[in-house]
N, C-alpha and C. Protein backbone atom coordinates (compact mmCIF):
# COMPACT_ATOMS: atom_id res chain seq x y z
N MET A 1 78.42 7.00 28.17
CA MET A 1 79.30 5.82 28.42
C MET A 1 78.82 4.62 27.91
N THR A 2 79.54 3.66 27.57
CA THR A 2 79.10 2.42 27.01
C THR A 2 78.92 1.47 28.11
N LYS A 3 77.59 1.09 28.20
CA LYS A 3 77.49 0.04 29.64
C LYS A 3 77.45 -1.34 29.04
N GLN A 4 78.01 -2.19 29.94
CA GLN A 4 78.01 -3.73 29.77
C GLN A 4 76.42 -4.10 29.81
N ARG A 5 76.23 -5.09 28.90
CA ARG A 5 74.90 -5.72 28.82
C ARG A 5 75.02 -6.98 29.69
N VAL A 6 74.05 -6.93 30.60
CA VAL A 6 73.87 -7.83 31.56
C VAL A 6 72.53 -8.52 31.67
N ALA A 7 72.50 -9.97 31.46
CA ALA A 7 71.40 -10.64 31.79
C ALA A 7 71.60 -11.43 33.07
N VAL A 8 70.41 -11.26 33.88
CA VAL A 8 70.26 -11.74 35.25
C VAL A 8 69.66 -13.16 35.12
N LEU A 9 70.14 -13.96 36.01
CA LEU A 9 69.48 -15.55 36.11
C LEU A 9 68.74 -15.54 37.67
N ILE A 10 67.45 -15.88 37.59
CA ILE A 10 66.81 -16.10 39.07
C ILE A 10 66.09 -17.21 38.97
N SER A 11 65.72 -17.68 40.00
CA SER A 11 64.65 -18.91 40.35
C SER A 11 63.48 -18.41 41.15
N GLY A 12 63.55 -17.43 41.97
CA GLY A 12 62.44 -16.95 42.64
C GLY A 12 62.14 -15.35 42.56
N ARG A 13 61.98 -14.80 43.66
CA ARG A 13 61.53 -13.39 43.75
C ARG A 13 62.51 -12.54 43.14
N GLY A 14 63.89 -12.77 43.26
CA GLY A 14 64.87 -12.00 42.56
C GLY A 14 65.28 -10.86 43.29
N SER A 15 65.37 -10.80 44.58
CA SER A 15 65.46 -9.50 45.37
C SER A 15 66.97 -9.02 44.87
N ASN A 16 68.14 -9.76 44.77
CA ASN A 16 69.18 -9.35 44.37
C ASN A 16 69.15 -8.65 43.06
N MET A 17 68.33 -9.34 42.03
CA MET A 17 68.05 -8.83 40.59
C MET A 17 67.44 -7.43 40.77
N GLN A 18 66.45 -7.52 41.69
CA GLN A 18 65.65 -6.08 41.77
C GLN A 18 66.67 -4.90 42.02
N ALA A 19 67.62 -5.27 42.97
CA ALA A 19 68.45 -4.19 43.59
C ALA A 19 69.40 -4.01 42.40
N LEU A 20 70.05 -4.94 41.49
CA LEU A 20 70.61 -4.41 40.40
C LEU A 20 69.98 -3.73 39.32
N VAL A 21 68.42 -3.96 39.04
CA VAL A 21 67.88 -3.15 38.22
C VAL A 21 67.81 -1.99 38.53
N ARG A 22 67.65 -1.61 40.01
CA ARG A 22 67.38 -0.23 40.31
C ARG A 22 68.82 0.64 40.33
N ALA A 23 69.98 -0.10 40.45
CA ALA A 23 71.30 0.47 40.78
C ALA A 23 71.51 0.81 39.04
N ALA A 24 71.13 0.01 37.95
CA ALA A 24 71.34 0.10 36.67
C ALA A 24 70.79 1.43 35.89
N ARG A 25 69.81 1.92 36.51
CA ARG A 25 68.96 3.09 36.22
C ARG A 25 69.88 4.29 36.31
N ALA A 26 70.98 4.29 37.01
CA ALA A 26 71.86 5.31 37.19
C ALA A 26 72.66 5.67 35.94
N PRO A 27 72.74 6.82 35.49
CA PRO A 27 73.40 7.06 34.20
C PRO A 27 74.78 6.77 34.34
N ASP A 28 75.47 6.76 35.53
CA ASP A 28 76.94 6.61 35.57
C ASP A 28 77.15 5.19 35.85
N TYR A 29 76.12 4.14 36.13
CA TYR A 29 76.40 2.84 36.51
C TYR A 29 76.76 2.00 35.10
N PRO A 30 78.05 1.46 35.33
CA PRO A 30 78.53 0.77 34.08
C PRO A 30 78.02 -0.51 33.38
N ALA A 31 76.63 -0.89 33.89
CA ALA A 31 75.94 -1.96 33.31
C ALA A 31 74.60 -1.56 33.05
N GLU A 32 73.66 -2.43 32.07
CA GLU A 32 72.39 -2.25 31.92
C GLU A 32 71.99 -3.63 31.94
N ILE A 33 70.81 -3.62 32.67
CA ILE A 33 70.14 -5.24 32.75
C ILE A 33 69.16 -5.19 31.51
N VAL A 34 69.85 -6.26 30.51
CA VAL A 34 68.96 -6.22 29.23
C VAL A 34 68.16 -7.39 29.30
N ALA A 35 67.98 -8.38 30.21
CA ALA A 35 67.06 -9.55 30.20
C ALA A 35 67.18 -10.02 31.65
N VAL A 36 66.13 -10.59 32.12
CA VAL A 36 65.92 -11.53 33.43
C VAL A 36 65.20 -12.73 32.75
N ILE A 37 66.10 -14.01 33.20
CA ILE A 37 65.53 -15.11 32.77
C ILE A 37 65.57 -16.19 33.88
N SER A 38 64.42 -16.92 33.92
CA SER A 38 64.34 -17.74 35.11
C SER A 38 64.17 -19.41 34.62
N ASN A 39 64.52 -20.11 35.40
CA ASN A 39 64.37 -21.63 35.17
C ASN A 39 62.99 -21.95 35.58
N ARG A 40 62.26 -21.09 36.28
CA ARG A 40 61.00 -21.37 36.68
C ARG A 40 59.89 -20.37 36.33
N PRO A 41 58.93 -20.86 35.58
CA PRO A 41 58.01 -20.01 34.87
C PRO A 41 57.14 -18.98 35.86
N GLY A 42 57.00 -19.61 37.13
CA GLY A 42 56.24 -19.00 38.36
C GLY A 42 57.13 -17.88 38.96
N ALA A 43 58.40 -17.65 38.68
CA ALA A 43 59.16 -16.98 39.45
C ALA A 43 58.62 -15.49 39.66
N ALA A 44 58.34 -15.01 40.91
CA ALA A 44 57.75 -13.69 41.00
C ALA A 44 58.72 -12.67 40.34
N GLY A 45 60.06 -12.77 40.31
CA GLY A 45 61.13 -11.75 39.66
C GLY A 45 60.81 -11.51 38.42
N LEU A 46 60.19 -12.30 37.71
CA LEU A 46 59.66 -12.15 36.07
C LEU A 46 58.89 -11.07 35.90
N ALA A 47 57.77 -10.93 36.78
CA ALA A 47 56.63 -9.79 36.81
C ALA A 47 57.31 -8.48 37.18
N PHE A 48 58.26 -8.58 38.18
CA PHE A 48 59.13 -7.31 38.47
C PHE A 48 59.91 -6.99 37.45
N ALA A 49 60.55 -7.72 36.67
CA ALA A 49 61.41 -7.39 35.37
C ALA A 49 60.30 -6.87 34.25
N ARG A 50 59.23 -7.43 34.06
CA ARG A 50 58.29 -7.03 33.05
C ARG A 50 57.89 -5.63 33.37
N ASP A 51 57.59 -5.52 34.69
CA ASP A 51 56.96 -4.01 35.06
C ASP A 51 58.14 -2.95 34.97
N ASN A 52 59.32 -3.31 34.98
CA ASN A 52 60.18 -2.31 34.49
C ASN A 52 60.73 -2.24 33.28
N GLY A 53 59.97 -2.84 32.36
CA GLY A 53 60.55 -2.60 31.01
C GLY A 53 61.56 -3.43 30.45
N ILE A 54 62.09 -4.53 31.20
CA ILE A 54 63.25 -5.33 30.92
C ILE A 54 62.59 -6.74 30.29
N PRO A 55 63.06 -6.98 29.20
CA PRO A 55 62.57 -8.51 28.63
C PRO A 55 63.05 -9.63 29.84
N ALA A 56 61.76 -10.50 29.86
CA ALA A 56 61.77 -11.44 30.91
C ALA A 56 61.38 -12.71 30.51
N GLU A 57 62.01 -13.68 30.49
CA GLU A 57 61.85 -14.84 29.81
C GLU A 57 62.05 -16.12 30.86
N ALA A 58 61.17 -17.21 30.77
CA ALA A 58 61.22 -18.53 31.51
C ALA A 58 61.72 -19.38 30.57
N ILE A 59 62.53 -20.25 30.93
CA ILE A 59 63.38 -21.31 30.39
C ILE A 59 63.11 -22.48 31.40
N ASP A 60 62.07 -23.18 31.38
CA ASP A 60 61.83 -24.37 32.29
C ASP A 60 62.89 -25.26 32.26
N HIS A 61 63.36 -25.68 33.29
CA HIS A 61 64.59 -26.73 33.06
C HIS A 61 63.76 -28.08 32.98
N LYS A 62 62.56 -28.11 33.65
CA LYS A 62 61.85 -29.34 33.55
C LYS A 62 61.28 -29.80 32.16
N ALA A 63 61.46 -28.94 31.23
CA ALA A 63 60.86 -29.10 29.86
C ALA A 63 61.95 -29.65 29.10
N TYR A 64 63.18 -30.09 29.55
CA TYR A 64 64.39 -30.33 28.82
C TYR A 64 64.70 -31.85 29.35
N PRO A 65 65.12 -32.82 28.32
CA PRO A 65 65.48 -33.90 28.75
C PRO A 65 66.87 -34.05 29.72
N ASP A 66 67.69 -33.16 29.66
CA ASP A 66 68.86 -33.05 30.39
C ASP A 66 69.55 -31.80 30.78
N ARG A 67 70.50 -31.68 31.74
CA ARG A 67 70.95 -30.46 31.84
C ARG A 67 71.63 -29.55 30.51
N GLU A 68 72.41 -30.45 29.84
CA GLU A 68 73.02 -29.91 28.66
C GLU A 68 72.04 -29.36 27.64
N ALA A 69 70.70 -30.01 27.56
CA ALA A 69 69.89 -29.56 26.65
C ALA A 69 69.13 -28.14 27.14
N PHE A 70 69.16 -28.08 28.53
CA PHE A 70 68.52 -26.80 29.18
C PHE A 70 69.41 -25.72 28.97
N GLU A 71 70.77 -25.98 29.28
CA GLU A 71 71.83 -25.09 29.24
C GLU A 71 72.05 -24.50 27.64
N ALA A 72 71.82 -25.46 26.79
CA ALA A 72 71.76 -24.95 25.21
C ALA A 72 70.96 -24.01 24.78
N ALA A 73 69.76 -24.01 25.53
CA ALA A 73 68.65 -23.17 25.48
C ALA A 73 68.97 -21.82 26.07
N LEU A 74 69.50 -21.99 27.32
CA LEU A 74 69.94 -20.96 28.14
C LEU A 74 70.70 -20.14 27.35
N HIS A 75 71.98 -20.78 26.69
CA HIS A 75 73.19 -19.90 25.97
C HIS A 75 72.41 -19.16 24.77
N GLN A 76 71.46 -19.87 24.01
CA GLN A 76 70.99 -19.33 22.90
C GLN A 76 70.17 -17.96 23.46
N SER A 77 69.51 -18.23 24.43
CA SER A 77 68.70 -16.86 25.13
C SER A 77 69.73 -15.67 25.32
N LEU A 78 70.97 -15.99 26.03
CA LEU A 78 71.86 -15.15 26.44
C LEU A 78 72.46 -14.53 25.00
N LEU A 79 72.62 -15.29 24.16
CA LEU A 79 73.21 -14.91 22.93
C LEU A 79 72.28 -13.91 22.09
N ARG A 80 70.88 -14.22 22.11
CA ARG A 80 69.94 -13.58 21.71
C ARG A 80 69.73 -12.03 22.26
N HIS A 81 69.87 -11.96 23.52
CA HIS A 81 69.98 -10.65 24.04
C HIS A 81 71.16 -10.15 24.16
N ARG A 82 72.20 -10.64 23.46
CA ARG A 82 73.52 -10.06 23.37
C ARG A 82 74.12 -9.69 24.88
N ALA A 83 73.89 -10.60 25.80
CA ALA A 83 74.68 -10.42 26.93
C ALA A 83 76.08 -10.48 27.03
N GLU A 84 76.79 -9.63 27.75
CA GLU A 84 78.38 -9.72 27.75
C GLU A 84 78.55 -10.04 29.21
N LEU A 85 77.62 -9.86 30.06
CA LEU A 85 77.91 -10.54 31.36
C LEU A 85 76.64 -11.06 31.84
N VAL A 86 76.77 -12.30 32.78
CA VAL A 86 75.79 -13.06 33.38
C VAL A 86 75.70 -12.81 34.95
N ALA A 87 74.81 -12.35 35.36
CA ALA A 87 74.63 -12.28 37.00
C ALA A 87 73.68 -13.43 37.62
N CYS A 88 74.22 -14.40 38.17
CA CYS A 88 73.16 -15.36 38.84
C CYS A 88 72.84 -14.77 40.17
N ALA A 89 71.54 -14.54 40.48
CA ALA A 89 71.05 -14.05 41.44
C ALA A 89 69.78 -14.68 42.35
N GLY A 90 70.11 -15.83 42.96
CA GLY A 90 69.28 -16.67 43.40
C GLY A 90 69.03 -17.89 42.38
N PHE A 91 69.68 -17.88 41.43
CA PHE A 91 69.47 -19.11 40.48
C PHE A 91 69.93 -20.43 40.99
N MET A 92 68.60 -21.03 41.25
CA MET A 92 69.19 -22.66 41.61
C MET A 92 69.29 -23.60 40.88
N ARG A 93 70.27 -23.52 40.06
CA ARG A 93 70.81 -24.52 39.21
C ARG A 93 72.05 -24.76 39.16
N ILE A 94 72.81 -25.94 39.43
CA ILE A 94 74.17 -26.09 39.24
C ILE A 94 74.53 -26.35 37.73
N LEU A 95 75.30 -25.42 37.18
CA LEU A 95 75.69 -25.42 36.05
C LEU A 95 76.88 -26.38 35.60
N THR A 96 76.72 -26.94 34.33
CA THR A 96 77.66 -27.96 34.03
C THR A 96 79.15 -27.31 33.70
N PRO A 97 80.24 -28.01 33.73
CA PRO A 97 81.62 -27.57 33.34
C PRO A 97 81.68 -26.75 32.07
N GLY A 98 80.82 -27.46 31.21
CA GLY A 98 80.79 -26.83 29.70
C GLY A 98 80.34 -25.52 29.63
N PHE A 99 79.33 -25.43 30.33
CA PHE A 99 78.59 -23.91 30.26
C PHE A 99 79.53 -22.91 31.22
N THR A 100 79.90 -23.58 32.11
CA THR A 100 80.88 -22.39 33.11
C THR A 100 81.99 -22.02 32.07
N ARG A 101 82.80 -22.94 31.61
CA ARG A 101 83.75 -22.61 30.81
C ARG A 101 83.38 -21.81 29.55
N ARG A 102 82.39 -21.78 29.05
CA ARG A 102 81.86 -20.97 28.05
C ARG A 102 81.82 -19.66 28.26
N TRP A 103 81.40 -19.37 29.72
CA TRP A 103 81.23 -17.99 30.20
C TRP A 103 82.16 -17.60 31.15
N ALA A 104 83.24 -18.42 31.24
CA ALA A 104 84.36 -18.06 32.20
C ALA A 104 84.77 -16.49 32.02
N GLY A 105 84.57 -16.10 33.38
CA GLY A 105 85.25 -14.52 33.46
C GLY A 105 83.95 -13.46 33.12
N ARG A 106 82.95 -14.24 32.80
CA ARG A 106 81.70 -13.27 32.46
C ARG A 106 80.42 -13.67 32.97
N MET A 107 80.68 -14.42 34.05
CA MET A 107 79.30 -14.87 34.77
C MET A 107 79.63 -14.79 36.35
N LEU A 108 78.80 -14.06 37.13
CA LEU A 108 78.89 -13.73 38.58
C LEU A 108 78.00 -14.41 39.27
N ASN A 109 78.08 -14.71 40.39
CA ASN A 109 77.31 -15.46 41.53
C ASN A 109 77.43 -14.65 42.61
N ILE A 110 76.15 -14.57 43.45
CA ILE A 110 76.28 -14.28 44.76
C ILE A 110 75.91 -15.28 45.84
N HIS A 111 76.73 -15.48 46.82
CA HIS A 111 76.63 -16.63 47.65
C HIS A 111 76.59 -16.24 49.17
N PRO A 112 75.48 -16.87 50.05
CA PRO A 112 75.40 -16.21 51.27
C PRO A 112 76.29 -16.89 52.32
N SER A 113 77.69 -16.50 52.07
CA SER A 113 78.65 -16.93 53.10
C SER A 113 80.00 -16.24 52.70
N LEU A 114 80.97 -16.15 53.72
CA LEU A 114 82.28 -15.39 53.32
C LEU A 114 83.19 -16.58 53.00
N LEU A 115 83.02 -17.01 51.54
CA LEU A 115 83.84 -17.92 50.90
C LEU A 115 85.41 -17.71 51.15
N PRO A 116 86.10 -18.84 51.40
CA PRO A 116 85.88 -20.21 50.84
C PRO A 116 84.76 -21.00 51.96
N ALA A 117 84.39 -20.45 52.98
CA ALA A 117 83.65 -21.16 54.14
C ALA A 117 82.06 -21.40 53.41
N TYR A 118 81.86 -22.48 53.86
CA TYR A 118 80.18 -22.91 53.66
C TYR A 118 79.78 -22.60 52.23
N LYS A 119 80.30 -23.48 51.41
CA LYS A 119 79.85 -23.61 49.89
C LYS A 119 78.76 -24.41 49.85
N GLY A 120 77.88 -24.35 48.86
CA GLY A 120 76.68 -25.04 48.86
C GLY A 120 75.37 -24.49 49.51
N LEU A 121 74.64 -25.24 49.93
CA LEU A 121 73.38 -24.96 50.55
C LEU A 121 73.37 -24.73 52.32
N HIS A 122 72.44 -24.08 52.71
CA HIS A 122 72.38 -24.16 54.19
C HIS A 122 73.38 -23.46 54.97
N THR A 123 73.83 -22.49 54.49
CA THR A 123 75.18 -21.80 55.02
C THR A 123 74.93 -21.24 56.16
N HIS A 124 73.68 -20.57 56.56
CA HIS A 124 73.23 -20.15 57.94
C HIS A 124 73.41 -21.16 59.03
N GLU A 125 72.78 -22.17 58.59
CA GLU A 125 72.70 -23.24 59.74
C GLU A 125 74.13 -23.75 59.90
N GLN A 126 75.06 -23.89 58.90
CA GLN A 126 76.30 -24.35 58.90
C GLN A 126 77.20 -23.39 59.88
N ALA A 127 76.92 -21.96 59.70
CA ALA A 127 77.82 -20.93 60.57
C ALA A 127 77.33 -20.90 61.98
N LEU A 128 75.96 -21.13 62.24
CA LEU A 128 75.54 -21.20 63.51
C LEU A 128 76.02 -22.48 64.18
N ALA A 129 75.94 -23.79 63.61
CA ALA A 129 76.39 -24.92 64.27
C ALA A 129 77.98 -25.01 64.42
N ASP A 130 78.69 -24.20 63.69
CA ASP A 130 80.05 -24.05 63.95
C ASP A 130 80.40 -22.82 64.95
N LYS A 131 79.26 -22.08 65.38
CA LYS A 131 79.49 -21.03 66.41
C LYS A 131 80.41 -20.04 65.85
N ALA A 132 80.07 -19.73 64.84
CA ALA A 132 81.16 -18.60 63.84
C ALA A 132 80.56 -17.43 64.55
N THR A 133 81.58 -16.38 64.76
CA THR A 133 81.19 -14.98 65.17
C THR A 133 80.97 -14.01 63.93
N ARG A 134 81.32 -14.51 62.75
CA ARG A 134 81.21 -13.58 61.74
C ARG A 134 80.63 -14.48 60.52
N HIS A 135 79.81 -13.68 59.67
CA HIS A 135 79.11 -14.64 58.39
C HIS A 135 78.94 -13.58 57.50
N GLY A 136 78.35 -13.74 56.45
CA GLY A 136 78.25 -12.63 55.44
C GLY A 136 77.81 -13.33 54.09
N ALA A 137 78.49 -12.32 53.00
CA ALA A 137 78.15 -12.96 51.57
C ALA A 137 79.10 -12.69 50.71
N SER A 138 79.19 -13.22 49.69
CA SER A 138 80.44 -13.04 48.57
C SER A 138 79.97 -13.18 47.17
N VAL A 139 80.34 -12.36 46.46
CA VAL A 139 80.09 -12.30 44.95
C VAL A 139 81.50 -12.96 44.48
N HIS A 140 81.23 -13.91 43.71
CA HIS A 140 82.45 -14.58 42.76
C HIS A 140 82.22 -14.71 41.31
N PHE A 141 83.18 -15.17 40.74
CA PHE A 141 83.12 -15.54 39.16
C PHE A 141 82.52 -16.92 39.36
N VAL A 142 81.82 -17.39 38.53
CA VAL A 142 81.50 -18.84 38.46
C VAL A 142 82.51 -19.71 37.87
N SER A 143 82.70 -20.76 38.52
CA SER A 143 83.67 -21.50 37.83
C SER A 143 83.07 -23.12 37.87
N GLU A 144 83.94 -24.03 37.31
CA GLU A 144 83.46 -25.41 37.24
C GLU A 144 83.25 -25.78 38.76
N GLU A 145 83.94 -25.26 39.76
CA GLU A 145 83.76 -25.84 41.10
C GLU A 145 82.82 -25.01 41.87
N LEU A 146 81.78 -26.01 42.57
CA LEU A 146 80.80 -25.03 43.03
C LEU A 146 81.19 -24.01 44.23
N ASP A 147 80.64 -22.78 43.84
CA ASP A 147 81.08 -21.67 44.76
C ASP A 147 82.33 -21.44 45.03
N GLY A 148 83.23 -22.04 44.04
CA GLY A 148 84.89 -22.08 43.87
C GLY A 148 85.50 -20.86 43.31
N GLY A 149 84.93 -20.25 42.62
CA GLY A 149 85.40 -19.07 41.89
C GLY A 149 86.17 -18.02 42.33
N GLN A 150 86.80 -17.17 41.68
CA GLN A 150 87.61 -16.32 42.08
C GLN A 150 86.68 -15.06 42.85
N VAL A 151 87.05 -14.70 43.98
CA VAL A 151 85.93 -13.76 44.77
C VAL A 151 86.31 -12.31 44.44
N ILE A 152 85.04 -11.66 44.14
CA ILE A 152 85.11 -10.17 43.72
C ILE A 152 85.14 -9.34 44.76
N ALA A 153 84.19 -9.69 45.72
CA ALA A 153 83.91 -8.67 46.91
C ALA A 153 82.98 -9.65 47.91
N GLN A 154 83.34 -8.85 49.14
CA GLN A 154 82.68 -9.65 50.40
C GLN A 154 82.07 -8.68 51.28
N ALA A 155 81.08 -8.90 51.99
CA ALA A 155 80.36 -8.32 53.09
C ALA A 155 80.24 -9.22 54.29
N ALA A 156 80.64 -8.68 55.48
CA ALA A 156 80.53 -9.53 56.68
C ALA A 156 79.50 -8.81 57.53
N VAL A 157 78.71 -9.81 58.39
CA VAL A 157 77.81 -9.28 59.56
C VAL A 157 78.14 -10.05 60.59
N PRO A 158 77.93 -9.57 61.84
CA PRO A 158 78.35 -10.38 63.04
C PRO A 158 77.18 -11.47 63.15
N VAL A 159 77.55 -12.40 63.86
CA VAL A 159 76.59 -13.47 64.33
C VAL A 159 76.14 -13.28 65.86
N MET A 160 74.91 -12.81 66.03
CA MET A 160 74.50 -12.83 67.40
C MET A 160 73.93 -13.86 68.20
N GLU A 161 74.11 -13.36 69.32
CA GLU A 161 73.72 -14.58 70.46
C GLU A 161 72.10 -14.54 70.28
N GLY A 162 71.72 -15.93 70.13
CA GLY A 162 70.25 -15.93 69.91
C GLY A 162 69.68 -16.07 68.50
N ASP A 163 70.91 -15.93 67.74
CA ASP A 163 70.43 -15.94 66.28
C ASP A 163 69.87 -17.39 65.85
N THR A 164 68.88 -17.29 65.05
CA THR A 164 68.44 -18.45 64.28
C THR A 164 68.87 -18.40 62.84
N ALA A 165 68.66 -19.49 62.22
CA ALA A 165 69.27 -19.37 60.62
C ALA A 165 68.24 -18.30 59.90
N GLU A 166 66.94 -18.01 60.31
CA GLU A 166 66.14 -17.01 59.65
C GLU A 166 66.52 -15.68 59.91
N THR A 167 67.00 -15.49 61.12
CA THR A 167 67.44 -13.86 61.69
C THR A 167 68.87 -13.73 60.99
N LEU A 168 69.62 -14.63 61.06
CA LEU A 168 71.01 -14.44 60.37
C LEU A 168 70.80 -14.27 58.79
N ALA A 169 69.89 -15.25 58.13
CA ALA A 169 69.59 -14.87 56.74
C ALA A 169 69.17 -13.58 56.63
N ALA A 170 68.38 -13.07 57.18
CA ALA A 170 67.86 -11.62 57.04
C ALA A 170 68.84 -10.55 57.10
N ARG A 171 69.85 -10.83 58.17
CA ARG A 171 70.89 -10.00 58.29
C ARG A 171 71.74 -9.90 57.21
N VAL A 172 72.01 -11.21 56.61
CA VAL A 172 72.92 -11.23 55.50
C VAL A 172 72.42 -10.58 54.20
N LEU A 173 71.06 -10.92 54.12
CA LEU A 173 70.31 -10.42 52.79
C LEU A 173 70.58 -8.86 52.77
N ASN A 174 70.56 -8.36 53.90
CA ASN A 174 70.50 -6.75 53.92
C ASN A 174 71.96 -6.11 53.38
N VAL A 175 73.06 -6.86 53.46
CA VAL A 175 74.17 -6.58 52.88
C VAL A 175 74.38 -7.07 51.45
N GLU A 176 73.60 -8.17 51.10
CA GLU A 176 73.83 -8.69 49.65
C GLU A 176 73.35 -7.76 48.84
N HIS A 177 72.58 -7.02 49.04
CA HIS A 177 72.04 -6.06 47.66
C HIS A 177 73.06 -4.91 47.34
N PRO A 178 73.52 -4.32 48.38
CA PRO A 178 74.57 -3.23 47.95
C PRO A 178 75.97 -4.09 47.52
N LEU A 179 75.96 -5.22 48.08
CA LEU A 179 77.47 -5.92 47.76
C LEU A 179 77.45 -6.38 46.15
N TYR A 180 76.20 -6.78 45.71
CA TYR A 180 76.20 -7.46 44.43
C TYR A 180 76.25 -6.15 43.56
N VAL A 181 75.64 -4.98 43.92
CA VAL A 181 75.58 -3.82 43.23
C VAL A 181 77.12 -3.34 42.90
N LYS A 182 77.68 -3.44 43.96
CA LYS A 182 79.17 -2.80 44.00
C LYS A 182 80.08 -3.69 43.36
N ALA A 183 79.84 -5.05 43.01
CA ALA A 183 80.76 -6.11 42.50
C ALA A 183 80.50 -5.98 41.06
N LEU A 184 79.23 -5.91 40.63
CA LEU A 184 78.90 -5.80 39.29
C LEU A 184 79.59 -4.54 38.83
N GLU A 185 79.58 -3.50 39.29
CA GLU A 185 79.79 -2.36 39.09
C GLU A 185 81.64 -2.57 38.84
N LEU A 186 82.30 -3.19 39.65
CA LEU A 186 83.66 -3.45 39.54
C LEU A 186 83.91 -4.31 38.40
N VAL A 187 83.01 -5.13 37.88
CA VAL A 187 83.51 -6.11 37.01
C VAL A 187 83.23 -5.35 35.76
N ALA A 188 82.04 -4.88 35.66
CA ALA A 188 81.62 -4.03 34.30
C ALA A 188 82.49 -3.02 33.82
N SER A 189 83.11 -2.33 34.87
CA SER A 189 84.01 -1.08 34.75
C SER A 189 85.21 -1.67 34.34
N GLY A 190 85.75 -2.92 34.67
CA GLY A 190 87.08 -3.46 34.36
C GLY A 190 88.11 -3.24 35.51
N LYS A 191 87.44 -2.50 36.51
CA LYS A 191 88.08 -2.53 37.83
C LYS A 191 88.45 -3.69 38.32
N VAL A 192 87.97 -4.85 38.30
CA VAL A 192 88.24 -5.99 38.58
C VAL A 192 88.13 -7.11 37.51
N GLN A 193 89.12 -7.93 37.24
CA GLN A 193 89.06 -8.78 36.24
C GLN A 193 89.40 -10.17 36.51
N PHE A 194 88.95 -10.96 35.64
CA PHE A 194 89.09 -12.28 35.91
C PHE A 194 90.55 -13.02 35.83
N LYS A 195 91.13 -13.59 36.66
CA LYS A 195 92.24 -14.14 36.56
C LYS A 195 92.11 -15.45 35.99
N THR A 196 92.77 -15.67 34.67
CA THR A 196 92.98 -16.92 34.12
C THR A 196 94.12 -17.86 34.58
N SER A 197 93.96 -18.98 34.99
CA SER A 197 94.73 -19.85 35.61
C SER A 197 95.77 -20.24 34.37
N SER A 198 97.10 -20.16 34.75
CA SER A 198 98.05 -20.29 33.66
C SER A 198 98.80 -21.62 33.79
């Protein structure tokens, strides 16, 4: 089978990236991880990628004068690796509309909430403040609106009495890994397709 070429963007340890790398080893998984790219040279996930024989690259956003210059370098790297899909996995950079349009329908992100609830940061704190009974994670196509793109898949967890942001985050992380593996499989196999707004 022809596998879709996927580059994973990270900013830290890349636990979701690691889950994708492990899943992609299966012969029948429709995606292969061809590069791991981080905007932070010290990201622990880069070492994991290298240890697993995957090209790993740091493109330090601080080395560029503005967002556009950083994204131009990132775009060139994605082209160099011949990436067909991009999976953001704890990539802590807000991307400009120009970049998201260029990769529309080919870039995924995982977000720790049941979108459209709790976009942006501090989702677990927001869920607790709202006394929500359910929380979870979503994988969505990246769009110009922050955490506003078409949802591909979601997984829910219960909010327990006595939960802290940390305990809730840990419960959500447990479902994130299998969720992202499934969502990438759906997109790479063509079972879920990006709906263009007409």
